[in-house]
Amino acid sequence: DIDNPSILDKPEKFLLEISGILQLPVRLKCWIFMLSFKENLEHAARPINDLKKSVEAVKNSAHLKSVLGTILSFGNYMNAGTNRAQANGFELQILSKLSTTRDFFGETNLLKYI
């Protein structure tokens, strides 16, 4: 009986008390969010930090720059005399074609040569 809360046991009194809280579901969701925010942030930050480190490693890799420069030089050499010669760069998807670009005798491919 809501009119006489003294006859209620503790669990029922508790439920009666919290039923009077305005916007309880929204407040509970907010509370849960606040309690788990730091853990969620740390969980999300790990892959972002890994990605940042990877980007920096690629940007600062002298070996990668050398390999890409060699590939560009080979491409320019093979395209000599065409309108595609003396390119200033190439699209990264060309890298997948290195293994299918074979020598005159068909014994090796450009990827193995480089």
PDB file of N, CA and C in Angstrom:
ATOM      1  N   ASP A   1       0.854  -1.179   0.000  1.00  0.00           N
ATOM      2  CA  ASP A   1       0.000   0.000   0.000  1.00  0.00           C
ATOM      3  C   ASP A   1       0.902   1.245   0.000  1.00  0.00           C
ATOM      4  N   ILE A   2       0.794   2.059  -1.046  1.00  0.00           N
ATOM      5  CA  ILE A   2       1.624   3.246  -1.194  1.00  0.00           C
ATOM      6  C   ILE A   2       1.257   4.309  -0.150  1.00  0.00           C
ATOM      7  N   ASP A   3       0.005   4.345   0.264  1.00  0.00           N
ATOM      8  CA  ASP A   3      -0.420   5.353   1.234  1.00  0.00           C
ATOM      9  C   ASP A   3       0.150   5.084   2.625  1.00  0.00           C
ATOM     10  N   ASN A   4       0.517   3.848   2.895  1.00  0.00           N
ATOM     11  CA  ASN A   4       1.059   3.500   4.207  1.00  0.00           C
ATOM     12  C   ASN A   4       2.378   2.748   4.017  1.00  0.00           C
ATOM     13  N   PRO A   5       3.494   3.464   3.741  1.00  0.00           N
ATOM     14  CA  PRO A   5       4.763   2.803   3.476  1.00  0.00           C
ATOM     15  C   PRO A   5       5.364   2.100   4.687  1.00  0.00           C
ATOM     16  N   SER A   6       4.839   2.335   5.883  1.00  0.00           N
ATOM     17  CA  SER A   6       5.409   1.712   7.075  1.00  0.00           C
ATOM     18  C   SER A   6       5.179   0.208   7.099  1.00  0.00           C
ATOM     19  N   ILE A   7       4.208  -0.271   6.348  1.00  0.00           N
ATOM     20  CA  ILE A   7       3.956  -1.719   6.341  1.00  0.00           C
ATOM     21  C   ILE A   7       4.807  -2.442   5.302  1.00  0.00           C
ATOM     22  N   LEU A   8       5.548  -1.676   4.496  1.00  0.00           N
ATOM     23  CA  LEU A   8       6.379  -2.275   3.453  1.00  0.00           C
ATOM     24  C   LEU A   8       7.716  -2.725   4.016  1.00  0.00           C
ATOM     25  N   ASP A   9       8.274  -3.778   3.411  1.00  0.00           N
ATOM     26  CA  ASP A   9       9.615  -4.226   3.778  1.00  0.00           C
ATOM     27  C   ASP A   9      10.643  -3.331   3.103  1.00  0.00           C
ATOM     28  N   LYS A  10      11.928  -3.504   3.456  1.00  0.00           N
ATOM     29  CA  LYS A  10      12.991  -2.657   2.934  1.00  0.00           C
ATOM     30  C   LYS A  10      13.064  -2.657   1.406  1.00  0.00           C
ATOM     31  N   PRO A  11      12.987  -3.804   0.733  1.00  0.00           N
ATOM     32  CA  PRO A  11      13.073  -3.759  -0.740  1.00  0.00           C
ATOM     33  C   PRO A  11      11.953  -2.937  -1.371  1.00  0.00           C
ATOM     34  N   GLU A  12      10.741  -3.104  -0.864  1.00  0.00           N
ATOM     35  CA  GLU A  12       9.625  -2.355  -1.410  1.00  0.00           C
ATOM     36  C   GLU A  12       9.759  -0.865  -1.115  1.00  0.00           C
ATOM     37  N   LYS A  13      10.261  -0.523   0.073  1.00  0.00           N
ATOM     38  CA  LYS A  13      10.481   0.884   0.415  1.00  0.00           C
ATOM     39  C   LYS A  13      11.528   1.488  -0.526  1.00  0.00           C
ATOM     40  N   PHE A  14      12.574   0.720  -0.801  1.00  0.00           N
ATOM     41  CA  PHE A  14      13.625   1.200  -1.705  1.00  0.00           C
ATOM     42  C   PHE A  14      13.063   1.471  -3.099  1.00  0.00           C
ATOM     43  N   LEU A  15      12.285   0.512  -3.611  1.00  0.00           N
ATOM     44  CA  LEU A  15      11.678   0.687  -4.937  1.00  0.00           C
ATOM     45  C   LEU A  15      10.714   1.867  -4.954  1.00  0.00           C
ATOM     46  N   LEU A  16       9.990   2.050  -3.891  1.00  0.00           N
ATOM     47  CA  LEU A  16       9.077   3.185  -3.805  1.00  0.00           C
ATOM     48  C   LEU A  16       9.860   4.497  -3.819  1.00  0.00           C
ATOM     49  N   GLU A  17      10.985   4.530  -3.098  1.00  0.00           N
ATOM     50  CA  GLU A  17      11.824   5.727  -3.048  1.00  0.00           C
ATOM     51  C   GLU A  17      12.384   6.061  -4.426  1.00  0.00           C
ATOM     52  N   ILE A  18      12.965   5.071  -5.099  1.00  0.00           N
ATOM     53  CA  ILE A  18      13.592   5.375  -6.389  1.00  0.00           C
ATOM     54  C   ILE A  18      12.561   5.630  -7.484  1.00  0.00           C
ATOM     55  N   SER A  19      11.363   5.161  -7.316  1.00  0.00           N
ATOM     56  CA  SER A  19      10.334   5.440  -8.325  1.00  0.00           C
ATOM     57  C   SER A  19       9.973   6.920  -8.352  1.00  0.00           C
ATOM     58  N   GLY A  20      10.301   7.642  -7.292  1.00  0.00           N
ATOM     59  CA  GLY A  20      10.013   9.066  -7.240  1.00  0.00           C
ATOM     60  C   GLY A  20      11.113   9.933  -7.853  1.00  0.00           C
ATOM     61  N   ILE A  21      12.213   9.325  -8.262  1.00  0.00           N
ATOM     62  CA  ILE A  21      13.308  10.095  -8.854  1.00  0.00           C
ATOM     63  C   ILE A  21      12.956  10.421 -10.300  1.00  0.00           C
ATOM     64  N   LEU A  22      13.031  11.708 -10.644  1.00  0.00           N
ATOM     65  CA  LEU A  22      12.693  12.143 -11.996  1.00  0.00           C
ATOM     66  C   LEU A  22      13.737  11.636 -12.987  1.00  0.00           C
ATOM     67  N   GLN A  23      13.289  11.158 -14.126  1.00  0.00           N
ATOM     68  CA  GLN A  23      14.136  10.700 -15.232  1.00  0.00           C
ATOM     69  C   GLN A  23      15.203   9.699 -14.769  1.00  0.00           C
ATOM     70  N   LEU A  24      14.793   8.741 -13.956  1.00  0.00           N
ATOM     71  CA  LEU A  24      15.723   7.762 -13.401  1.00  0.00           C
ATOM     72  C   LEU A  24      16.489   6.987 -14.470  1.00  0.00           C
ATOM     73  N   PRO A  25      15.843   6.465 -15.521  1.00  0.00           N
ATOM     74  CA  PRO A  25      16.616   5.709 -16.524  1.00  0.00           C
ATOM     75  C   PRO A  25      17.711   6.546 -17.184  1.00  0.00           C
ATOM     76  N   VAL A  26      17.402   7.790 -17.495  1.00  0.00           N
ATOM     77  CA  VAL A  26      18.390   8.678 -18.123  1.00  0.00           C
ATOM     78  C   VAL A  26      19.536   8.955 -17.157  1.00  0.00           C
ATOM     79  N   ARG A  27      19.217   9.197 -15.911  1.00  0.00           N
ATOM     80  CA  ARG A  27      20.250   9.453 -14.903  1.00  0.00           C
ATOM     81  C   ARG A  27      21.139   8.234 -14.691  1.00  0.00           C
ATOM     82  N   LEU A  28      20.545   7.054 -14.667  1.00  0.00           N
ATOM     83  CA  LEU A  28      21.337   5.830 -14.494  1.00  0.00           C
ATOM     84  C   LEU A  28      22.260   5.597 -15.688  1.00  0.00           C
ATOM     85  N   LYS A  29      21.758   5.831 -16.889  1.00  0.00           N
ATOM     86  CA  LYS A  29      22.608   5.690 -18.078  1.00  0.00           C
ATOM     87  C   LYS A  29      23.772   6.677 -18.033  1.00  0.00           C
ATOM     88  N   CYS A  30      23.493   7.882 -17.602  1.00  0.00           N
ATOM     89  CA  CYS A  30      24.535   8.898 -17.487  1.00  0.00           C
ATOM     90  C   CYS A  30      25.567   8.479 -16.445  1.00  0.00           C
ATOM     91  N   TRP A  31      25.119   7.949 -15.366  1.00  0.00           N
ATOM     92  CA  TRP A  31      26.009   7.495 -14.301  1.00  0.00           C
ATOM     93  C   TRP A  31      26.901   6.348 -14.787  1.00  0.00           C
ATOM     94  N   ILE A  32      26.304   5.399 -15.464  1.00  0.00           N
ATOM     95  CA  ILE A  32      27.067   4.279 -16.017  1.00  0.00           C
ATOM     96  C   ILE A  32      28.097   4.792 -17.022  1.00  0.00           C
ATOM     97  N   PHE A  33      27.698   5.729 -17.850  1.00  0.00           N
ATOM     98  CA  PHE A  33      28.620   6.309 -18.825  1.00  0.00           C
ATOM     99  C   PHE A  33      29.800   6.964 -18.116  1.00  0.00           C
ATOM    100  N   MET A  34      29.518   7.746 -17.088  1.00  0.00           N
ATOM    101  CA  MET A  34      30.587   8.436 -16.364  1.00  0.00           C
ATOM    102  C   MET A  34      31.521   7.436 -15.683  1.00  0.00           C
ATOM    103  N   LEU A  35      30.970   6.383 -15.131  1.00  0.00           N
ATOM    104  CA  LEU A  35      31.799   5.392 -14.436  1.00  0.00           C
ATOM    105  C   LEU A  35      32.677   4.593 -15.398  1.00  0.00           C
ATOM    106  N   SER A  36      32.223   4.387 -16.617  1.00  0.00           N
ATOM    107  CA  SER A  36      32.980   3.565 -17.566  1.00  0.00           C
ATOM    108  C   SER A  36      33.748   4.390 -18.594  1.00  0.00           C
ATOM    109  N   PHE A  37      33.668   5.721 -18.504  1.00  0.00           N
ATOM    110  CA  PHE A  37      34.278   6.577 -19.519  1.00  0.00           C
ATOM    111  C   PHE A  37      35.781   6.370 -19.633  1.00  0.00           C
ATOM    112  N   LYS A  38      36.493   6.391 -18.535  1.00  0.00           N
ATOM    113  CA  LYS A  38      37.949   6.279 -18.567  1.00  0.00           C
ATOM    114  C   LYS A  38      38.382   4.957 -19.207  1.00  0.00           C
ATOM    115  N   GLU A  39      37.737   3.872 -18.805  1.00  0.00           N
ATOM    116  CA  GLU A  39      38.068   2.557 -19.370  1.00  0.00           C
ATOM    117  C   GLU A  39      37.772   2.513 -20.869  1.00  0.00           C
ATOM    118  N   ASN A  40      36.639   3.052 -21.277  1.00  0.00           N
ATOM    119  CA  ASN A  40      36.290   3.082 -22.697  1.00  0.00           C
ATOM    120  C   ASN A  40      37.255   3.950 -23.488  1.00  0.00           C
ATOM    121  N   LEU A  41      37.657   5.069 -22.901  1.00  0.00           N
ATOM    122  CA  LEU A  41      38.603   5.956 -23.563  1.00  0.00           C
ATOM    123  C   LEU A  41      39.950   5.259 -23.754  1.00  0.00           C
ATOM    124  N   GLU A  42      40.428   4.589 -22.719  1.00  0.00           N
ATOM    125  CA  GLU A  42      41.694   3.862 -22.814  1.00  0.00           C
ATOM    126  C   GLU A  42      41.602   2.746 -23.855  1.00  0.00           C
ATOM    127  N   HIS A  43      40.470   2.079 -23.885  1.00  0.00           N
ATOM    128  CA  HIS A  43      40.269   0.999 -24.855  1.00  0.00           C
ATOM    129  C   HIS A  43      40.287   1.540 -26.287  1.00  0.00           C
ATOM    130  N   ALA A  44      39.677   2.684 -26.507  1.00  0.00           N
ATOM    131  CA  ALA A  44      39.633   3.287 -27.845  1.00  0.00           C
ATOM    132  C   ALA A  44      40.967   3.930 -28.212  1.00  0.00           C
ATOM    133  N   ALA A  45      41.704   4.398 -27.220  1.00  0.00           N
ATOM    134  CA  ALA A  45      42.958   5.107 -27.487  1.00  0.00           C
ATOM    135  C   ALA A  45      44.067   4.169 -27.954  1.00  0.00           C
ATOM    136  N   ARG A  46      44.047   2.922 -27.506  1.00  0.00           N
ATOM    137  CA  ARG A  46      45.113   1.985 -27.880  1.00  0.00           C
ATOM    138  C   ARG A  46      45.261   1.819 -29.382  1.00  0.00           C
ATOM    139  N   PRO A  47      44.202   1.466 -30.112  1.00  0.00           N
ATOM    140  CA  PRO A  47      44.366   1.322 -31.563  1.00  0.00           C
ATOM    141  C   PRO A  47      44.689   2.639 -32.262  1.00  0.00           C
ATOM    142  N   ILE A  48      44.195   3.738 -31.736  1.00  0.00           N
ATOM    143  CA  ILE A  48      44.502   5.041 -32.335  1.00  0.00           C
ATOM    144  C   ILE A  48      45.988   5.346 -32.157  1.00  0.00           C
ATOM    145  N   ASN A  49      46.526   5.072 -30.980  1.00  0.00           N
ATOM    146  CA  ASN A  49      47.954   5.292 -30.749  1.00  0.00           C
ATOM    147  C   ASN A  49      48.800   4.360 -31.612  1.00  0.00           C
ATOM    148  N   ASP A  50      48.348   3.116 -31.776  1.00  0.00           N
ATOM    149  CA  ASP A  50      49.066   2.184 -32.659  1.00  0.00           C
ATOM    150  C   ASP A  50      49.077   2.704 -34.089  1.00  0.00           C
ATOM    151  N   LEU A  51      47.950   3.234 -34.532  1.00  0.00           N
ATOM    152  CA  LEU A  51      47.866   3.783 -35.882  1.00  0.00           C
ATOM    153  C   LEU A  51      48.789   4.986 -36.035  1.00  0.00           C
ATOM    154  N   LYS A  52      48.817   5.864 -35.037  1.00  0.00           N
ATOM    155  CA  LYS A  52      49.701   7.031 -35.081  1.00  0.00           C
ATOM    156  C   LYS A  52      51.162   6.590 -35.188  1.00  0.00           C
ATOM    157  N   LYS A  53      51.553   5.589 -34.391  1.00  0.00           N
ATOM    158  CA  LYS A  53      52.929   5.087 -34.433  1.00  0.00           C
ATOM    159  C   LYS A  53      53.246   4.496 -35.802  1.00  0.00           C
ATOM    160  N   SER A  54      52.284   3.781 -36.380  1.00  0.00           N
ATOM    161  CA  SER A  54      52.483   3.181 -37.705  1.00  0.00           C
ATOM    162  C   SER A  54      52.660   4.256 -38.769  1.00  0.00           C
ATOM    163  N   VAL A  55      51.840   5.284 -38.709  1.00  0.00           N
ATOM    164  CA  VAL A  55      51.945   6.385 -39.677  1.00  0.00           C
ATOM    165  C   VAL A  55      53.307   7.059 -39.560  1.00  0.00           C
ATOM    166  N   GLU A  56      53.748   7.305 -38.340  1.00  0.00           N
ATOM    167  CA  GLU A  56      55.055   7.936 -38.138  1.00  0.00           C
ATOM    168  C   GLU A  56      56.180   7.036 -38.651  1.00  0.00           C
ATOM    169  N   ALA A  57      56.056   5.727 -38.429  1.00  0.00           N
ATOM    170  CA  ALA A  57      57.082   4.797 -38.902  1.00  0.00           C
ATOM    171  C   ALA A  57      57.160   4.812 -40.425  1.00  0.00           C
ATOM    172  N   VAL A  58      56.015   4.854 -41.082  1.00  0.00           N
ATOM    173  CA  VAL A  58      56.000   4.903 -42.547  1.00  0.00           C
ATOM    174  C   VAL A  58      56.562   6.230 -43.038  1.00  0.00           C
ATOM    175  N   LYS A  59      56.149   7.336 -42.412  1.00  0.00           N
ATOM    176  CA  LYS A  59      56.619   8.655 -42.834  1.00  0.00           C
ATOM    177  C   LYS A  59      58.130   8.816 -42.660  1.00  0.00           C
ATOM    178  N   ASN A  60      58.681   8.221 -41.629  1.00  0.00           N
ATOM    179  CA  ASN A  60      60.091   8.433 -41.306  1.00  0.00           C
ATOM    180  C   ASN A  60      61.008   7.313 -41.791  1.00  0.00           C
ATOM    181  N   SER A  61      60.485   6.355 -42.533  1.00  0.00           N
ATOM    182  CA  SER A  61      61.286   5.217 -42.964  1.00  0.00           C
ATOM    183  C   SER A  61      62.127   5.570 -44.196  1.00  0.00           C
ATOM    184  N   ALA A  62      63.414   5.665 -44.005  1.00  0.00           N
ATOM    185  CA  ALA A  62      64.318   5.933 -45.134  1.00  0.00           C
ATOM    186  C   ALA A  62      64.341   4.735 -46.082  1.00  0.00           C
ATOM    187  N   HIS A  63      64.247   3.524 -45.538  1.00  0.00           N
ATOM    188  CA  HIS A  63      64.265   2.316 -46.371  1.00  0.00           C
ATOM    189  C   HIS A  63      63.031   2.269 -47.284  1.00  0.00           C
ATOM    190  N   LEU A  64      61.879   2.584 -46.729  1.00  0.00           N
ATOM    191  CA  LEU A  64      60.661   2.587 -47.541  1.00  0.00           C
ATOM    192  C   LEU A  64      60.758   3.627 -48.643  1.00  0.00           C
ATOM    193  N   LYS A  65      61.260   4.813 -48.325  1.00  0.00           N
ATOM    194  CA  LYS A  65      61.427   5.853 -49.348  1.00  0.00           C
ATOM    195  C   LYS A  65      62.367   5.371 -50.449  1.00  0.00           C
ATOM    196  N   SER A  66      63.413   4.667 -50.053  1.00  0.00           N
ATOM    197  CA  SER A  66      64.373   4.150 -51.031  1.00  0.00           C
ATOM    198  C   SER A  66      63.722   3.109 -51.943  1.00  0.00           C
ATOM    199  N   VAL A  67      62.961   2.202 -51.351  1.00  0.00           N
ATOM    200  CA  VAL A  67      62.285   1.156 -52.140  1.00  0.00           C
ATOM    201  C   VAL A  67      61.280   1.786 -53.095  1.00  0.00           C
ATOM    202  N   LEU A  68      60.484   2.725 -52.604  1.00  0.00           N
ATOM    203  CA  LEU A  68      59.494   3.372 -53.468  1.00  0.00           C
ATOM    204  C   LEU A  68      60.177   4.181 -54.573  1.00  0.00           C
ATOM    205  N   GLY A  69      61.300   4.804 -54.261  1.00  0.00           N
ATOM    206  CA  GLY A  69      62.061   5.520 -55.284  1.00  0.00           C
ATOM    207  C   GLY A  69      62.604   4.583 -56.348  1.00  0.00           C
ATOM    208  N   THR A  70      63.067   3.413 -55.922  1.00  0.00           N
ATOM    209  CA  THR A  70      63.561   2.406 -56.869  1.00  0.00           C
ATOM    210  C   THR A  70      62.428   1.930 -57.777  1.00  0.00           C
ATOM    211  N   ILE A  71      61.271   1.690 -57.208  1.00  0.00           N
ATOM    212  CA  ILE A  71      60.106   1.259 -58.003  1.00  0.00           C
ATOM    213  C   ILE A  71      59.748   2.343 -59.012  1.00  0.00           C
ATOM    214  N   LEU A  72      59.752   3.599 -58.595  1.00  0.00           N
ATOM    215  CA  LEU A  72      59.458   4.708 -59.504  1.00  0.00           C
ATOM    216  C   LEU A  72      60.488   4.752 -60.629  1.00  0.00           C
ATOM    217  N   SER A  73      61.752   4.575 -60.298  1.00  0.00           N
ATOM    218  CA  SER A  73      62.805   4.593 -61.322  1.00  0.00           C
ATOM    219  C   SER A  73      62.623   3.464 -62.326  1.00  0.00           C
ATOM    220  N   PHE A  74      62.307   2.265 -61.825  1.00  0.00           N
ATOM    221  CA  PHE A  74      62.056   1.149 -62.733  1.00  0.00           C
ATOM    222  C   PHE A  74      60.872   1.431 -63.640  1.00  0.00           C
ATOM    223  N   GLY A  75      59.816   1.984 -63.078  1.00  0.00           N
ATOM    224  CA  GLY A  75      58.636   2.314 -63.878  1.00  0.00           C
ATOM    225  C   GLY A  75      58.964   3.331 -64.955  1.00  0.00           C
ATOM    226  N   ASN A  76      59.713   4.348 -64.592  1.00  0.00           N
ATOM    227  CA  ASN A  76      60.103   5.362 -65.577  1.00  0.00           C
ATOM    228  C   ASN A  76      60.999   4.754 -66.661  1.00  0.00           C
ATOM    229  N   TYR A  77      61.905   3.846 -66.253  1.00  0.00           N
ATOM    230  CA  TYR A  77      62.780   3.206 -67.223  1.00  0.00           C
ATOM    231  C   TYR A  77      61.977   2.338 -68.200  1.00  0.00           C
ATOM    232  N   MET A  78      61.045   1.548 -67.652  1.00  0.00           N
ATOM    233  CA  MET A  78      60.248   0.656 -68.504  1.00  0.00           C
ATOM    234  C   MET A  78      59.292   1.429 -69.395  1.00  0.00           C
ATOM    235  N   ASN A  79      58.899   2.629 -68.981  1.00  0.00           N
ATOM    236  CA  ASN A  79      57.968   3.431 -69.773  1.00  0.00           C
ATOM    237  C   ASN A  79      58.679   4.471 -70.639  1.00  0.00           C
ATOM    238  N   ALA A  80      60.000   4.359 -70.749  1.00  0.00           N
ATOM    239  CA  ALA A  80      60.768   5.326 -71.556  1.00  0.00           C
ATOM    240  C   ALA A  80      60.225   5.350 -72.978  1.00  0.00           C
ATOM    241  N   GLY A  81      60.095   6.542 -73.524  1.00  0.00           N
ATOM    242  CA  GLY A  81      59.601   6.706 -74.882  1.00  0.00           C
ATOM    243  C   GLY A  81      58.085   6.753 -74.984  1.00  0.00           C
ATOM    244  N   THR A  82      57.396   6.657 -73.842  1.00  0.00           N
ATOM    245  CA  THR A  82      55.931   6.752 -73.854  1.00  0.00           C
ATOM    246  C   THR A  82      55.522   8.018 -73.095  1.00  0.00           C
ATOM    247  N   ASN A  83      54.238   8.307 -73.125  1.00  0.00           N
ATOM    248  CA  ASN A  83      53.753   9.489 -72.403  1.00  0.00           C
ATOM    249  C   ASN A  83      53.713   9.247 -70.891  1.00  0.00           C
ATOM    250  N   ARG A  84      53.998   8.023 -70.461  1.00  0.00           N
ATOM    251  CA  ARG A  84      53.991   7.703 -69.033  1.00  0.00           C
ATOM    252  C   ARG A  84      55.394   7.750 -68.433  1.00  0.00           C
ATOM    253  N   ALA A  85      56.388   8.075 -69.229  1.00  0.00           N
ATOM    254  CA  ALA A  85      57.765   8.125 -68.736  1.00  0.00           C
ATOM    255  C   ALA A  85      57.982   9.376 -67.894  1.00  0.00           C
ATOM    256  N   GLN A  86      59.001   9.343 -67.073  1.00  0.00           N
ATOM    257  CA  GLN A  86      59.385  10.460 -66.201  1.00  0.00           C
ATOM    258  C   GLN A  86      58.248  10.906 -65.279  1.00  0.00           C
ATOM    259  N   ALA A  87      57.555   9.932 -64.730  1.00  0.00           N
ATOM    260  CA  ALA A  87      56.486  10.228 -63.768  1.00  0.00           C
ATOM    261  C   ALA A  87      57.102  10.735 -62.473  1.00  0.00           C
ATOM    262  N   ASN A  88      56.376  11.570 -61.777  1.00  0.00           N
ATOM    263  CA  ASN A  88      56.826  12.089 -60.488  1.00  0.00           C
ATOM    264  C   ASN A  88      56.380  11.195 -59.330  1.00  0.00           C
ATOM    265  N   GLY A  89      55.508  10.259 -59.613  1.00  0.00           N
ATOM    266  CA  GLY A  89      54.997   9.367 -58.583  1.00  0.00           C
ATOM    267  C   GLY A  89      54.126   8.291 -59.197  1.00  0.00           C
ATOM    268  N   PHE A  90      53.569   7.469 -58.353  1.00  0.00           N
ATOM    269  CA  PHE A  90      52.666   6.409 -58.811  1.00  0.00           C
ATOM    270  C   PHE A  90      51.639   6.128 -57.722  1.00  0.00           C
ATOM    271  N   GLU A  91      50.560   5.483 -58.112  1.00  0.00           N
ATOM    272  CA  GLU A  91      49.519   5.128 -57.155  1.00  0.00           C
ATOM    273  C   GLU A  91      49.921   3.830 -56.466  1.00  0.00           C
ATOM    274  N   LEU A  92      49.591   3.714 -55.204  1.00  0.00           N
ATOM    275  CA  LEU A  92      50.017   2.558 -54.411  1.00  0.00           C
ATOM    276  C   LEU A  92      49.474   1.230 -54.941  1.00  0.00           C
ATOM    277  N   GLN A  93      48.367   1.257 -55.661  1.00  0.00           N
ATOM    278  CA  GLN A  93      47.810   0.005 -56.169  1.00  0.00           C
ATOM    279  C   GLN A  93      48.735  -0.653 -57.189  1.00  0.00           C
ATOM    280  N   ILE A  94      49.689   0.104 -57.727  1.00  0.00           N
ATOM    281  CA  ILE A  94      50.647  -0.462 -58.672  1.00  0.00           C
ATOM    282  C   ILE A  94      51.546  -1.480 -57.981  1.00  0.00           C
ATOM    283  N   LEU A  95      51.701  -1.370 -56.666  1.00  0.00           N
ATOM    284  CA  LEU A  95      52.562  -2.287 -55.922  1.00  0.00           C
ATOM    285  C   LEU A  95      52.112  -3.739 -56.066  1.00  0.00           C
ATOM    286  N   SER A  96      50.814  -3.956 -56.196  1.00  0.00           N
ATOM    287  CA  SER A  96      50.315  -5.326 -56.347  1.00  0.00           C
ATOM    288  C   SER A  96      50.681  -5.918 -57.704  1.00  0.00           C
ATOM    289  N   LYS A  97      51.074  -5.088 -58.665  1.00  0.00           N
ATOM    290  CA  LYS A  97      51.433  -5.578 -60.000  1.00  0.00           C
ATOM    291  C   LYS A  97      52.911  -5.939 -60.109  1.00  0.00           C
ATOM    292  N   LEU A  98      53.696  -5.624 -59.092  1.00  0.00           N
ATOM    293  CA  LEU A  98      55.133  -5.911 -59.160  1.00  0.00           C
ATOM    294  C   LEU A  98      55.414  -7.404 -59.309  1.00  0.00           C
ATOM    295  N   SER A  99      54.600  -8.229 -58.688  1.00  0.00           N
ATOM    296  CA  SER A  99      54.840  -9.676 -58.755  1.00  0.00           C
ATOM    297  C   SER A  99      54.416 -10.262 -60.099  1.00  0.00           C
ATOM    298  N   THR A 100      53.625  -9.548 -60.878  1.00  0.00           N
ATOM    299  CA  THR A 100      53.194 -10.063 -62.180  1.00  0.00           C
ATOM    300  C   THR A 100      53.966  -9.438 -63.342  1.00  0.00           C
ATOM    301  N   THR A 101      54.831  -8.486 -63.035  1.00  0.00           N
ATOM    302  CA  THR A 101      55.673  -7.881 -64.075  1.00  0.00           C
ATOM    303  C   THR A 101      56.928  -8.744 -64.199  1.00  0.00           C
ATOM    304  N   ARG A 102      56.980  -9.539 -65.272  1.00  0.00           N
ATOM    305  CA  ARG A 102      58.035 -10.537 -65.419  1.00  0.00           C
ATOM    306  C   ARG A 102      59.151 -10.023 -66.335  1.00  0.00           C
ATOM    307  N   ASP A 103      60.321 -10.651 -66.202  1.00  0.00           N
ATOM    308  CA  ASP A 103      61.438 -10.293 -67.077  1.00  0.00           C
ATOM    309  C   ASP A 103      61.221 -10.878 -68.472  1.00  0.00           C
ATOM    310  N   PHE A 104      62.106 -10.570 -69.389  1.00  0.00           N
ATOM    311  CA  PHE A 104      61.985 -10.994 -70.782  1.00  0.00           C
ATOM    312  C   PHE A 104      61.909 -12.510 -70.908  1.00  0.00           C
ATOM    313  N   PHE A 105      62.625 -13.215 -70.059  1.00  0.00           N
ATOM    314  CA  PHE A 105      62.672 -14.673 -70.134  1.00  0.00           C
ATOM    315  C   PHE A 105      61.604 -15.349 -69.271  1.00  0.00           C
ATOM    316  N   GLY A 106      60.864 -14.571 -68.511  1.00  0.00           N
ATOM    317  CA  GLY A 106      59.805 -15.120 -67.659  1.00  0.00           C
ATOM    318  C   GLY A 106      60.339 -15.864 -66.440  1.00  0.00           C
ATOM    319  N   GLU A 107      61.606 -15.612 -66.088  1.00  0.00           N
ATOM    320  CA  GLU A 107      62.227 -16.344 -64.991  1.00  0.00           C
ATOM    321  C   GLU A 107      62.008 -15.688 -63.621  1.00  0.00           C
ATOM    322  N   THR A 108      61.889 -14.391 -63.582  1.00  0.00           N
ATOM    323  CA  THR A 108      61.707 -13.693 -62.309  1.00  0.00           C
ATOM    324  C   THR A 108      60.735 -12.536 -62.522  1.00  0.00           C
ATOM    325  N   ASN A 109      60.328 -11.960 -61.416  1.00  0.00           N
ATOM    326  CA  ASN A 109      59.420 -10.810 -61.519  1.00  0.00           C
ATOM    327  C   ASN A 109      60.068  -9.593 -60.872  1.00  0.00           C
ATOM    328  N   LEU A 110      59.473  -8.454 -61.078  1.00  0.00           N
ATOM    329  CA  LEU A 110      60.041  -7.195 -60.615  1.00  0.00           C
ATOM    330  C   LEU A 110      60.115  -7.138 -59.089  1.00  0.00           C
ATOM    331  N   LEU A 111      59.152  -7.731 -58.428  1.00  0.00           N
ATOM    332  CA  LEU A 111      59.154  -7.724 -56.953  1.00  0.00           C
ATOM    333  C   LEU A 111      60.377  -8.462 -56.416  1.00  0.00           C
ATOM    334  N   LYS A 112      60.689  -9.623 -56.971  1.00  0.00           N
ATOM    335  CA  LYS A 112      61.875 -10.363 -56.535  1.00  0.00           C
ATOM    336  C   LYS A 112      63.146  -9.606 -56.866  1.00  0.00           C
ATOM    337  N   TYR A 113      63.176  -8.937 -57.989  1.00  0.00           N
ATOM    338  CA  TYR A 113      64.364  -8.215 -58.413  1.00  0.00           C
ATOM    339  C   TYR A 113      64.655  -7.042 -57.482  1.00  0.00           C
ATOM    340  N   ILE A 114      63.633  -6.348 -57.114  1.00  0.00           N
ATOM    341  CA  ILE A 114      63.795  -5.177 -56.236  1.00  0.00           C
ATOM    342  C   ILE A 114      64.179  -5.652 -54.841  1.00  0.00           C
TER     343      ILE A 114
END
